[in-house]
């Protein structure tokens, strides 16, 4: 699935099953909540914290997909073409960092 197809599929789901989009501000709050849930799993899986019983049934991929879902909702609501935005973002990073990381002694 392409990013463009994902945006179309989320839009279709929202309009047929979800009734309508939540407001942009509500979705921003939900995105923050979903990122927090992802952070909790990352901290317990790769960090120093131990799992709580309530965390044991959490799935890392599912949490990442929740973040992506809400981000796509926000893009759809605000008219952002994520394919084009991502392409431009890669170009920006490439131009800005083309020598930065290769010359970073910490990465060698």
Protein backbone atom coordinates (compact mmCIF):
# COMPACT_ATOMS: atom_id res chain seq x y z
CA UNK A 1 0.00 0.00 0.00
CA UNK A 2 1.33 3.43 -0.91
CA UNK A 3 1.02 6.44 1.35
CA UNK A 4 -1.52 7.90 -1.08
CA UNK A 5 -3.56 4.69 -0.94
CA UNK A 6 -3.38 4.73 2.87
CA UNK A 7 -4.69 8.29 2.93
CA UNK A 8 -7.58 7.29 0.65
CA UNK A 9 -8.37 4.16 2.67
CA UNK A 10 -8.43 6.06 5.98
CA UNK A 11 -10.65 8.74 4.41
CA UNK A 12 -13.05 6.09 3.10
CA UNK A 13 -13.15 4.32 6.48
CA UNK A 14 -13.83 7.55 8.33
CA UNK A 15 -16.66 8.50 5.96
CA UNK A 16 -18.30 5.05 5.90
CA UNK A 17 -17.65 3.58 9.34
CA UNK A 18 -16.32 6.37 11.53
CA UNK A 19 -19.16 8.76 10.58
CA UNK A 20 -16.86 11.82 10.44
CA UNK A 21 -13.41 12.99 11.43
CA UNK A 22 -12.88 14.17 14.97
CA UNK A 23 -11.80 17.81 15.10
CA UNK A 24 -8.18 18.55 14.26
CA UNK A 25 -7.48 19.51 17.86
CA UNK A 26 -9.04 16.29 19.16
CA UNK A 27 -6.98 14.27 16.69
CA UNK A 28 -3.83 16.11 17.78
CA UNK A 29 -4.57 15.11 21.38
CA UNK A 30 -5.24 11.52 20.26
CA UNK A 31 -1.94 11.50 18.33
CA UNK A 32 -0.13 12.59 21.48
CA UNK A 33 -1.85 9.84 23.44
CA UNK A 34 -0.94 7.21 20.84
CA UNK A 35 2.70 8.34 20.77
CA UNK A 36 2.71 7.98 24.56
CA UNK A 37 1.43 4.41 24.28
CA UNK A 38 4.16 3.65 21.75
CA UNK A 39 6.76 5.23 24.04
CA UNK A 40 5.59 3.05 26.93
CA UNK A 41 6.12 -0.14 24.93
CA UNK A 42 9.50 1.06 23.64
CA UNK A 43 10.65 1.98 27.16
CA UNK A 44 9.66 -1.41 28.50
CA UNK A 45 10.97 -3.42 25.55
CA UNK A 46 14.24 -1.59 24.86
CA UNK A 47 14.71 0.54 27.96
CA UNK A 48 15.15 -0.12 31.63
CA UNK A 49 11.54 -0.26 32.76
CA UNK A 50 9.84 -3.56 33.44
CA UNK A 51 6.45 -4.47 32.00
CA UNK A 52 3.27 -3.99 33.99
CA UNK A 53 0.56 -6.62 33.62
CA UNK A 54 -1.51 -4.10 31.62
CA UNK A 55 1.34 -3.73 29.10
CA UNK A 56 1.87 -7.40 28.36
CA UNK A 57 -0.83 -7.60 25.69
CA UNK A 58 0.43 -4.54 23.80
CA UNK A 59 1.83 -5.00 20.31
CA UNK A 60 4.58 -2.70 19.05
CA UNK A 61 3.44 -2.82 15.43
CA UNK A 62 -0.16 -2.12 16.40
CA UNK A 63 0.90 0.89 18.47
CA UNK A 64 2.93 2.23 15.53
CA UNK A 65 -0.07 1.71 13.25
CA UNK A 66 -2.26 3.68 15.70
CA UNK A 67 0.18 6.61 15.44
CA UNK A 68 0.20 6.36 11.65
CA UNK A 69 -3.62 6.20 11.51
CA UNK A 70 -4.10 9.42 13.45
CA UNK A 71 -1.31 11.16 11.56
CA UNK A 72 -3.03 10.23 8.30
CA UNK A 73 -6.33 11.55 9.68
CA UNK A 74 -4.66 14.88 10.45
CA UNK A 75 -3.08 15.00 6.99
CA UNK A 76 -6.43 14.32 5.34
CA UNK A 77 -8.17 16.95 7.43
CA UNK A 78 -5.60 19.64 6.72
CA UNK A 79 -5.11 18.86 3.03
CA UNK A 80 -1.56 17.54 3.32
CA UNK A 81 -0.41 15.10 0.64
CA UNK A 82 1.87 12.94 2.76
CA UNK A 83 3.59 11.42 -0.28
CA UNK A 84 4.69 14.83 -1.50
CA UNK A 85 5.46 16.09 2.01
CA UNK A 86 7.61 13.03 2.72
CA UNK A 87 9.42 13.35 -0.62
CA UNK A 88 10.23 17.00 0.14
CA UNK A 89 11.29 16.09 3.68
CA UNK A 90 13.77 13.48 2.40
CA UNK A 91 15.16 16.04 -0.04
CA UNK A 92 15.54 18.60 2.77
CA UNK A 93 17.33 16.11 5.01
CA UNK A 94 19.58 14.97 2.17
CA UNK A 95 20.65 18.51 1.31
CA UNK A 96 21.11 19.49 4.94
CA UNK A 97 22.83 16.34 6.18
CA UNK A 98 24.69 14.95 3.14
CA UNK A 99 28.06 15.42 4.89
CA UNK A 100 26.98 15.79 8.50
CA UNK A 101 26.52 12.13 9.44
CA UNK A 102 29.32 10.72 7.33
CA UNK A 103 31.73 13.06 9.10
CA UNK A 104 30.37 12.29 12.57
CA UNK A 105 33.06 10.38 14.47
CA UNK A 106 30.42 9.07 16.90
CA UNK A 107 28.81 7.09 14.09
CA UNK A 108 31.99 5.33 12.95
